[in-house]
Amino acid sequence: MKLVYLLWRSGDRDSTTSILIEKCAPAILDSGAGKLVVYAADRESEMRSPAPKLYTGPPICGSVHVWQENVSAEVEEILASGGFEIAGYEVDESVYKDYGDNEHSGVRDWPDGVRSPGVVAVTLMQRPRRLSREEWIRRWHDRMSPVSEEIQPRARYVRNLVLRPVTPDAPPFEGIVEETWPSKRHVSSPYLFYGAKNPIQLAVNMGRILGAVLSFLDLRRIRTTMMGEYFIKT
């Protein structure tokens, strides 16, 4: 099974990243994790998120993705010992595009433990009450994903459908998305981010993306944090 732990912690980016990568990650591997990917709001990923911040509360500072046979209290204890508040979920992962699957990136050629190039937008999604879970998934998978893939220069896109929370009082997120971008500029430049070559194309593409987003999400509940990606064990 795949488990995703969302993390909150006070402190600077450098110390938080160091604790995650140098202390927590090795301990999680020692606990028996089969695979491990860590996302950290590190110094290199510091930038404004492309999504509006219309929600209250602090953003996450990291996200730990663990593959193991069962939910493990040991992983939760390791993260808590690092000073993190956590919310854990069992998820169903679908990799829509991986490195090398489109023209925006080559096949991954860096080893485990080395920070991936570019930046990753980790987005936490809540289903609007107006949509059934089945319709929400259909609009996410069959409309949002293809439209954004056609327009935007993502290097990697992973969808995590939440099956159930595994920690007490976990916020009611139903989707967790990992979107990798080749560079900060691909996020900060509207023309790059929306795959546009002129103002008219920019307006059209922005409208298409916004329409797809609004078809299945409430803008006030979208939470996106820019992070660095670390494949610890694949």
C-alpha atoms as a PDB file:
ATOM      1  CA  MET A   1       0.000   0.000   0.000  1.00  0.00           C
ATOM      2  CA  LYS A   2       1.006   3.622  -0.459  1.00  0.00           C
ATOM      3  CA  LEU A   3       0.758   5.986   2.493  1.00  0.00           C
ATOM      4  CA  VAL A   4       1.091   9.760   2.292  1.00  0.00           C
ATOM      5  CA  TYR A   5       1.982  11.765   5.393  1.00  0.00           C
ATOM      6  CA  LEU A   6       1.463  15.520   5.218  1.00  0.00           C
ATOM      7  CA  LEU A   7       3.738  17.467   7.528  1.00  0.00           C
ATOM      8  CA  TRP A   8       3.610  20.760   9.408  1.00  0.00           C
ATOM      9  CA  ARG A   9       6.483  22.165  11.457  1.00  0.00           C
ATOM     10  CA  SER A  10       7.670  25.545  12.655  1.00  0.00           C
ATOM     11  CA  GLY A  11      11.245  26.365  11.729  1.00  0.00           C
ATOM     12  CA  ASP A  12      13.314  27.439   8.750  1.00  0.00           C
ATOM     13  CA  ARG A  13      13.490  25.592   5.455  1.00  0.00           C
ATOM     14  CA  ASP A  14      17.065  24.381   5.862  1.00  0.00           C
ATOM     15  CA  SER A  15      16.585  22.760   9.254  1.00  0.00           C
ATOM     16  CA  THR A  16      13.272  21.197   8.251  1.00  0.00           C
ATOM     17  CA  THR A  17      14.761  19.706   5.087  1.00  0.00           C
ATOM     18  CA  SER A  18      17.806  18.452   6.976  1.00  0.00           C
ATOM     19  CA  ILE A  19      15.678  16.692   9.582  1.00  0.00           C
ATOM     20  CA  LEU A  20      13.495  15.100   6.909  1.00  0.00           C
ATOM     21  CA  ILE A  21      16.254  13.899   4.585  1.00  0.00           C
ATOM     22  CA  GLU A  22      19.083  13.149   6.994  1.00  0.00           C
ATOM     23  CA  LYS A  23      17.239  11.858  10.059  1.00  0.00           C
ATOM     24  CA  CYS A  24      13.677  10.807   9.314  1.00  0.00           C
ATOM     25  CA  ALA A  25      14.207   9.215   5.881  1.00  0.00           C
ATOM     26  CA  PRO A  26      16.967   6.758   6.977  1.00  0.00           C
ATOM     27  CA  ALA A  27      14.918   5.785  10.031  1.00  0.00           C
ATOM     28  CA  ILE A  28      11.833   5.146   7.886  1.00  0.00           C
ATOM     29  CA  LEU A  29      13.879   2.919   5.581  1.00  0.00           C
ATOM     30  CA  ASP A  30      15.181   1.017   8.599  1.00  0.00           C
ATOM     31  CA  SER A  31      11.580   0.486   9.696  1.00  0.00           C
ATOM     32  CA  GLY A  32      10.993  -1.605   6.578  1.00  0.00           C
ATOM     33  CA  ALA A  33       9.644   0.753   3.912  1.00  0.00           C
ATOM     34  CA  GLY A  34       9.774  -0.763   0.439  1.00  0.00           C
ATOM     35  CA  LYS A  35       9.857   2.597  -1.352  1.00  0.00           C
ATOM     36  CA  LEU A  36      10.209   6.139  -0.080  1.00  0.00           C
ATOM     37  CA  VAL A  37       9.809   9.566  -1.703  1.00  0.00           C
ATOM     38  CA  VAL A  38      10.121  12.793   0.277  1.00  0.00           C
ATOM     39  CA  TYR A  39       8.915  16.234  -0.753  1.00  0.00           C
ATOM     40  CA  ALA A  40      10.365  19.139   1.239  1.00  0.00           C
ATOM     41  CA  ALA A  41       9.733  22.869   1.057  1.00  0.00           C
ATOM     42  CA  ASP A  42      13.473  23.378   0.727  1.00  0.00           C
ATOM     43  CA  ARG A  43      15.481  26.500  -0.058  1.00  0.00           C
ATOM     44  CA  GLU A  44      15.643  25.740  -3.790  1.00  0.00           C
ATOM     45  CA  SER A  45      11.858  25.528  -4.112  1.00  0.00           C
ATOM     46  CA  GLU A  46      11.077  28.800  -2.351  1.00  0.00           C
ATOM     47  CA  MET A  47       8.700  30.700  -4.625  1.00  0.00           C
ATOM     48  CA  ARG A  48       5.093  31.772  -4.913  1.00  0.00           C
ATOM     49  CA  SER A  49       2.629  29.000  -5.567  1.00  0.00           C
ATOM     50  CA  PRO A  50       0.672  29.228  -8.847  1.00  0.00           C
ATOM     51  CA  ALA A  51      -2.568  28.549  -6.939  1.00  0.00           C
ATOM     52  CA  PRO A  52      -4.341  31.310  -5.002  1.00  0.00           C
ATOM     53  CA  LYS A  53      -4.025  31.108  -1.213  1.00  0.00           C
ATOM     54  CA  LEU A  54      -7.620  31.604  -0.164  1.00  0.00           C
ATOM     55  CA  TYR A  55      -7.536  29.244   2.823  1.00  0.00           C
ATOM     56  CA  THR A  56      -6.529  29.856   6.419  1.00  0.00           C
ATOM     57  CA  GLY A  57      -3.819  28.082   8.346  1.00  0.00           C
ATOM     58  CA  PRO A  58      -0.170  27.292   7.645  1.00  0.00           C
ATOM     59  CA  PRO A  59       0.917  25.427   4.516  1.00  0.00           C
ATOM     60  CA  ILE A  60       2.533  22.011   4.767  1.00  0.00           C
ATOM     61  CA  CYS A  61       6.330  21.942   4.965  1.00  0.00           C
ATOM     62  CA  GLY A  62       6.750  18.445   3.595  1.00  0.00           C
ATOM     63  CA  SER A  63       5.106  15.280   2.371  1.00  0.00           C
ATOM     64  CA  VAL A  64       6.422  11.760   2.949  1.00  0.00           C
ATOM     65  CA  HIS A  65       5.281   8.980   0.596  1.00  0.00           C
ATOM     66  CA  VAL A  66       5.872   5.469   1.920  1.00  0.00           C
ATOM     67  CA  TRP A  67       5.181   2.089   0.345  1.00  0.00           C
ATOM     68  CA  GLN A  68       4.796  -0.736   2.874  1.00  0.00           C
ATOM     69  CA  GLU A  69       2.553  -3.694   3.641  1.00  0.00           C
ATOM     70  CA  ASN A  70       0.638  -2.143   6.526  1.00  0.00           C
ATOM     71  CA  VAL A  71       0.111   1.129   8.354  1.00  0.00           C
ATOM     72  CA  SER A  72       3.050   1.506  10.738  1.00  0.00           C
ATOM     73  CA  ALA A  73       2.960   3.406  13.992  1.00  0.00           C
ATOM     74  CA  GLU A  74       6.754   3.427  13.781  1.00  0.00           C
ATOM     75  CA  VAL A  75       6.744   5.765  10.771  1.00  0.00           C
ATOM     76  CA  GLU A  76       4.412   8.126  12.569  1.00  0.00           C
ATOM     77  CA  GLU A  77       6.633   8.055  15.660  1.00  0.00           C
ATOM     78  CA  ILE A  78       9.710   8.824  13.557  1.00  0.00           C
ATOM     79  CA  LEU A  79       8.054  11.874  11.992  1.00  0.00           C
ATOM     80  CA  ALA A  80       6.706  13.051  15.333  1.00  0.00           C
ATOM     81  CA  SER A  81      10.197  12.758  16.838  1.00  0.00           C
ATOM     82  CA  GLY A  82      11.384  15.204  14.163  1.00  0.00           C
ATOM     83  CA  GLY A  83       8.982  17.809  15.489  1.00  0.00           C
ATOM     84  CA  PHE A  84       6.366  17.347  12.771  1.00  0.00           C
ATOM     85  CA  GLU A  85       2.618  17.475  13.096  1.00  0.00           C
ATOM     86  CA  ILE A  86       1.279  14.831  10.724  1.00  0.00           C
ATOM     87  CA  ALA A  87      -1.825  13.812   8.824  1.00  0.00           C
ATOM     88  CA  GLY A  88      -1.657  10.399   7.158  1.00  0.00           C
ATOM     89  CA  TYR A  89      -3.675   8.834   4.355  1.00  0.00           C
ATOM     90  CA  GLU A  90      -3.807   5.558   2.469  1.00  0.00           C
ATOM     91  CA  VAL A  91      -3.981   6.417  -1.229  1.00  0.00           C
ATOM     92  CA  ASP A  92      -4.460   4.823  -4.616  1.00  0.00           C
ATOM     93  CA  GLU A  93      -1.652   6.167  -6.825  1.00  0.00           C
ATOM     94  CA  SER A  94      -1.876   6.633 -10.583  1.00  0.00           C
ATOM     95  CA  VAL A  95       1.140   8.007 -12.457  1.00  0.00           C
ATOM     96  CA  TYR A  96      -0.372   9.969 -15.334  1.00  0.00           C
ATOM     97  CA  LYS A  97       3.014  11.013 -16.779  1.00  0.00           C
ATOM     98  CA  ASP A  98       6.497  10.094 -15.581  1.00  0.00           C
ATOM     99  CA  TYR A  99       9.896  11.503 -16.468  1.00  0.00           C
ATOM    100  CA  GLY A 100      10.533  10.883 -20.163  1.00  0.00           C
ATOM    101  CA  ASP A 101       6.874  10.400 -21.089  1.00  0.00           C
ATOM    102  CA  ASN A 102       6.632  13.763 -22.856  1.00  0.00           C
ATOM    103  CA  GLU A 103       8.855  16.426 -24.417  1.00  0.00           C
ATOM    104  CA  HIS A 104       9.244  18.376 -21.182  1.00  0.00           C
ATOM    105  CA  SER A 105      11.746  16.012 -19.560  1.00  0.00           C
ATOM    106  CA  GLY A 106      14.112  13.176 -20.288  1.00  0.00           C
ATOM    107  CA  VAL A 107      14.017   9.838 -18.516  1.00  0.00           C
ATOM    108  CA  ARG A 108      15.151  10.066 -14.902  1.00  0.00           C
ATOM    109  CA  ASP A 109      18.940   9.576 -14.785  1.00  0.00           C
ATOM    110  CA  TRP A 110      19.843  10.695 -11.258  1.00  0.00           C
ATOM    111  CA  PRO A 111      20.307   8.255  -8.366  1.00  0.00           C
ATOM    112  CA  ASP A 112      18.219   7.746  -5.266  1.00  0.00           C
ATOM    113  CA  GLY A 113      18.983  10.259  -2.544  1.00  0.00           C
ATOM    114  CA  VAL A 114      19.764  13.111  -4.952  1.00  0.00           C
ATOM    115  CA  ARG A 115      17.327  16.010  -5.244  1.00  0.00           C
ATOM    116  CA  SER A 116      15.398  15.948  -8.500  1.00  0.00           C
ATOM    117  CA  PRO A 117      15.780  18.883 -10.914  1.00  0.00           C
ATOM    118  CA  GLY A 118      13.085  21.544 -10.927  1.00  0.00           C
ATOM    119  CA  VAL A 119      10.288  22.078  -8.444  1.00  0.00           C
ATOM    120  CA  VAL A 120       7.175  20.160  -7.461  1.00  0.00           C
ATOM    121  CA  ALA A 121       3.726  21.545  -6.721  1.00  0.00           C
ATOM    122  CA  VAL A 122       2.039  19.359  -4.103  1.00  0.00           C
ATOM    123  CA  THR A 123      -1.674  20.116  -4.116  1.00  0.00           C
ATOM    124  CA  LEU A 124      -4.210  19.009  -1.504  1.00  0.00           C
ATOM    125  CA  MET A 125      -7.777  18.770  -2.795  1.00  0.00           C
ATOM    126  CA  GLN A 126     -11.186  18.597  -1.169  1.00  0.00           C
ATOM    127  CA  ARG A 127     -14.254  17.425  -3.067  1.00  0.00           C
ATOM    128  CA  PRO A 128     -17.044  20.018  -3.304  1.00  0.00           C
ATOM    129  CA  ARG A 129     -20.286  18.826  -1.725  1.00  0.00           C
ATOM    130  CA  ARG A 130     -22.124  19.471  -4.990  1.00  0.00           C
ATOM    131  CA  LEU A 131     -20.340  16.511  -6.617  1.00  0.00           C
ATOM    132  CA  SER A 132     -20.577  12.810  -5.870  1.00  0.00           C
ATOM    133  CA  ARG A 133     -17.240  11.097  -5.356  1.00  0.00           C
ATOM    134  CA  GLU A 134     -17.654   9.205  -8.641  1.00  0.00           C
ATOM    135  CA  GLU A 135     -18.389  12.377 -10.635  1.00  0.00           C
ATOM    136  CA  TRP A 136     -15.570  14.244  -8.898  1.00  0.00           C
ATOM    137  CA  ILE A 137     -13.055  11.542  -9.868  1.00  0.00           C
ATOM    138  CA  ARG A 138     -14.393  11.478 -13.427  1.00  0.00           C
ATOM    139  CA  ARG A 139     -13.949  15.231 -13.871  1.00  0.00           C
ATOM    140  CA  TRP A 140     -10.472  15.133 -12.288  1.00  0.00           C
ATOM    141  CA  HIS A 141      -9.200  12.177 -14.296  1.00  0.00           C
ATOM    142  CA  ASP A 142     -11.070  12.576 -17.579  1.00  0.00           C
ATOM    143  CA  ARG A 143     -11.158  16.372 -17.947  1.00  0.00           C
ATOM    144  CA  MET A 144      -8.607  18.124 -15.752  1.00  0.00           C
ATOM    145  CA  SER A 145      -5.713  15.746 -16.389  1.00  0.00           C
ATOM    146  CA  PRO A 146      -5.927  15.653 -20.217  1.00  0.00           C
ATOM    147  CA  VAL A 147      -6.522  19.411 -20.564  1.00  0.00           C
ATOM    148  CA  SER A 148      -3.605  20.336 -18.307  1.00  0.00           C
ATOM    149  CA  GLU A 149      -1.343  17.765 -19.970  1.00  0.00           C
ATOM    150  CA  GLU A 150      -2.118  19.245 -23.401  1.00  0.00           C
ATOM    151  CA  ILE A 151      -1.368  22.798 -22.280  1.00  0.00           C
ATOM    152  CA  GLN A 152       1.179  22.779 -19.469  1.00  0.00           C
ATOM    153  CA  PRO A 153       4.891  21.815 -19.491  1.00  0.00           C
ATOM    154  CA  ARG A 154       4.904  19.282 -16.648  1.00  0.00           C
ATOM    155  CA  ALA A 155       7.745  16.806 -16.376  1.00  0.00           C
ATOM    156  CA  ARG A 156       5.810  14.422 -14.112  1.00  0.00           C
ATOM    157  CA  TYR A 157       2.231  14.173 -12.870  1.00  0.00           C
ATOM    158  CA  VAL A 158       1.076  11.789 -10.132  1.00  0.00           C
ATOM    159  CA  ARG A 159      -2.505  11.537  -8.850  1.00  0.00           C
ATOM    160  CA  ASN A 160      -3.183  10.135  -5.380  1.00  0.00           C
ATOM    161  CA  LEU A 161      -6.818   9.329  -4.634  1.00  0.00           C
ATOM    162  CA  VAL A 162      -7.336   9.187  -0.874  1.00  0.00           C
ATOM    163  CA  LEU A 163      -8.890   5.904   0.244  1.00  0.00           C
ATOM    164  CA  ARG A 164      -8.979   6.626   3.967  1.00  0.00           C
ATOM    165  CA  PRO A 165      -7.218   8.646   6.676  1.00  0.00           C
ATOM    166  CA  VAL A 166      -4.817   6.666   8.882  1.00  0.00           C
ATOM    167  CA  THR A 167      -4.183   9.261  11.603  1.00  0.00           C
ATOM    168  CA  PRO A 168      -6.697  10.874  13.977  1.00  0.00           C
ATOM    169  CA  ASP A 169      -8.242  14.203  12.968  1.00  0.00           C
ATOM    170  CA  ALA A 170      -6.683  14.203   9.490  1.00  0.00           C
ATOM    171  CA  PRO A 171      -8.180  17.002   7.336  1.00  0.00           C
ATOM    172  CA  PRO A 172     -10.779  15.748   4.821  1.00  0.00           C
ATOM    173  CA  PHE A 173      -8.589  15.794   1.715  1.00  0.00           C
ATOM    174  CA  GLU A 174      -9.674  13.387  -1.012  1.00  0.00           C
ATOM    175  CA  GLY A 175      -6.895  13.987  -3.530  1.00  0.00           C
ATOM    176  CA  ILE A 176      -3.159  14.696  -3.332  1.00  0.00           C
ATOM    177  CA  VAL A 177      -1.383  15.691  -6.542  1.00  0.00           C
ATOM    178  CA  GLU A 178       2.338  15.771  -7.346  1.00  0.00           C
ATOM    179  CA  GLU A 179       3.216  17.970 -10.348  1.00  0.00           C
ATOM    180  CA  THR A 180       6.876  18.353 -11.304  1.00  0.00           C
ATOM    181  CA  TRP A 181       8.022  21.377 -13.329  1.00  0.00           C
ATOM    182  CA  PRO A 182      11.396  21.600 -15.104  1.00  0.00           C
ATOM    183  CA  SER A 183      12.336  24.888 -13.415  1.00  0.00           C
ATOM    184  CA  LYS A 184      10.982  27.710 -11.279  1.00  0.00           C
ATOM    185  CA  ARG A 185      10.596  29.787 -14.423  1.00  0.00           C
ATOM    186  CA  HIS A 186       8.126  27.248 -15.823  1.00  0.00           C
ATOM    187  CA  VAL A 187       5.873  28.135 -12.895  1.00  0.00           C
ATOM    188  CA  SER A 188       6.546  31.869 -12.542  1.00  0.00           C
ATOM    189  CA  SER A 189       6.254  32.756 -16.247  1.00  0.00           C
ATOM    190  CA  PRO A 190       2.578  32.795 -17.337  1.00  0.00           C
ATOM    191  CA  TYR A 191       3.565  32.089 -20.928  1.00  0.00           C
ATOM    192  CA  LEU A 192       5.543  28.990 -19.964  1.00  0.00           C
ATOM    193  CA  PHE A 193       3.079  27.826 -17.322  1.00  0.00           C
ATOM    194  CA  TYR A 194       0.149  28.026 -19.728  1.00  0.00           C
ATOM    195  CA  GLY A 195       2.055  26.897 -22.819  1.00  0.00           C
ATOM    196  CA  ALA A 196       1.343  30.116 -24.704  1.00  0.00           C
ATOM    197  CA  LYS A 197       3.273  31.971 -27.410  1.00  0.00           C
ATOM    198  CA  ASN A 198       1.193  35.158 -27.556  1.00  0.00           C
ATOM    199  CA  PRO A 199      -1.388  37.076 -25.465  1.00  0.00           C
ATOM    200  CA  ILE A 200      -4.380  35.560 -27.280  1.00  0.00           C
ATOM    201  CA  GLN A 201      -3.171  32.010 -26.762  1.00  0.00           C
ATOM    202  CA  LEU A 202      -2.392  32.842 -23.132  1.00  0.00           C
ATOM    203  CA  ALA A 203      -5.950  34.041 -22.528  1.00  0.00           C
ATOM    204  CA  VAL A 204      -7.444  30.986 -24.241  1.00  0.00           C
ATOM    205  CA  ASN A 205      -5.264  28.506 -22.347  1.00  0.00           C
ATOM    206  CA  MET A 206      -5.836  30.223 -19.012  1.00  0.00           C
ATOM    207  CA  GLY A 207      -9.567  30.015 -19.635  1.00  0.00           C
ATOM    208  CA  ARG A 208      -9.387  26.319 -20.476  1.00  0.00           C
ATOM    209  CA  ILE A 209      -7.369  25.513 -17.353  1.00  0.00           C
ATOM    210  CA  LEU A 210      -9.615  27.594 -15.110  1.00  0.00           C
ATOM    211  CA  GLY A 211     -12.723  25.975 -16.548  1.00  0.00           C
ATOM    212  CA  ALA A 212     -11.311  22.496 -15.932  1.00  0.00           C
ATOM    213  CA  VAL A 213     -10.304  23.391 -12.367  1.00  0.00           C
ATOM    214  CA  LEU A 214     -13.667  24.937 -11.502  1.00  0.00           C
ATOM    215  CA  SER A 215     -15.480  21.894 -12.877  1.00  0.00           C
ATOM    216  CA  PHE A 216     -14.318  19.803  -9.901  1.00  0.00           C
ATOM    217  CA  LEU A 217     -12.750  22.080  -7.266  1.00  0.00           C
ATOM    218  CA  ASP A 218     -13.543  25.087  -5.104  1.00  0.00           C
ATOM    219  CA  LEU A 219     -10.753  27.674  -5.457  1.00  0.00           C
ATOM    220  CA  ARG A 220     -11.095  28.562  -1.762  1.00  0.00           C
ATOM    221  CA  ARG A 221     -10.036  25.050  -0.767  1.00  0.00           C
ATOM    222  CA  ILE A 222      -7.089  24.404  -3.069  1.00  0.00           C
ATOM    223  CA  ARG A 223      -3.820  24.140  -1.121  1.00  0.00           C
ATOM    224  CA  THR A 224      -0.619  24.078  -3.161  1.00  0.00           C
ATOM    225  CA  THR A 225       2.932  24.139  -1.790  1.00  0.00           C
ATOM    226  CA  MET A 226       6.101  24.317  -3.885  1.00  0.00           C
ATOM    227  CA  MET A 227       8.689  21.707  -2.869  1.00  0.00           C
ATOM    228  CA  GLY A 228      11.819  19.816  -3.767  1.00  0.00           C
ATOM    229  CA  GLU A 229      11.563  16.138  -4.714  1.00  0.00           C
ATOM    230  CA  TYR A 230      13.814  13.462  -3.206  1.00  0.00           C
ATOM    231  CA  PHE A 231      13.570   9.853  -4.371  1.00  0.00           C
ATOM    232  CA  ILE A 232      15.066   8.135  -1.331  1.00  0.00           C
ATOM    233  CA  LYS A 233      14.401   4.522  -2.377  1.00  0.00           C
ATOM    234  CA  THR A 234      12.780   3.423  -5.625  1.00  0.00           C
END
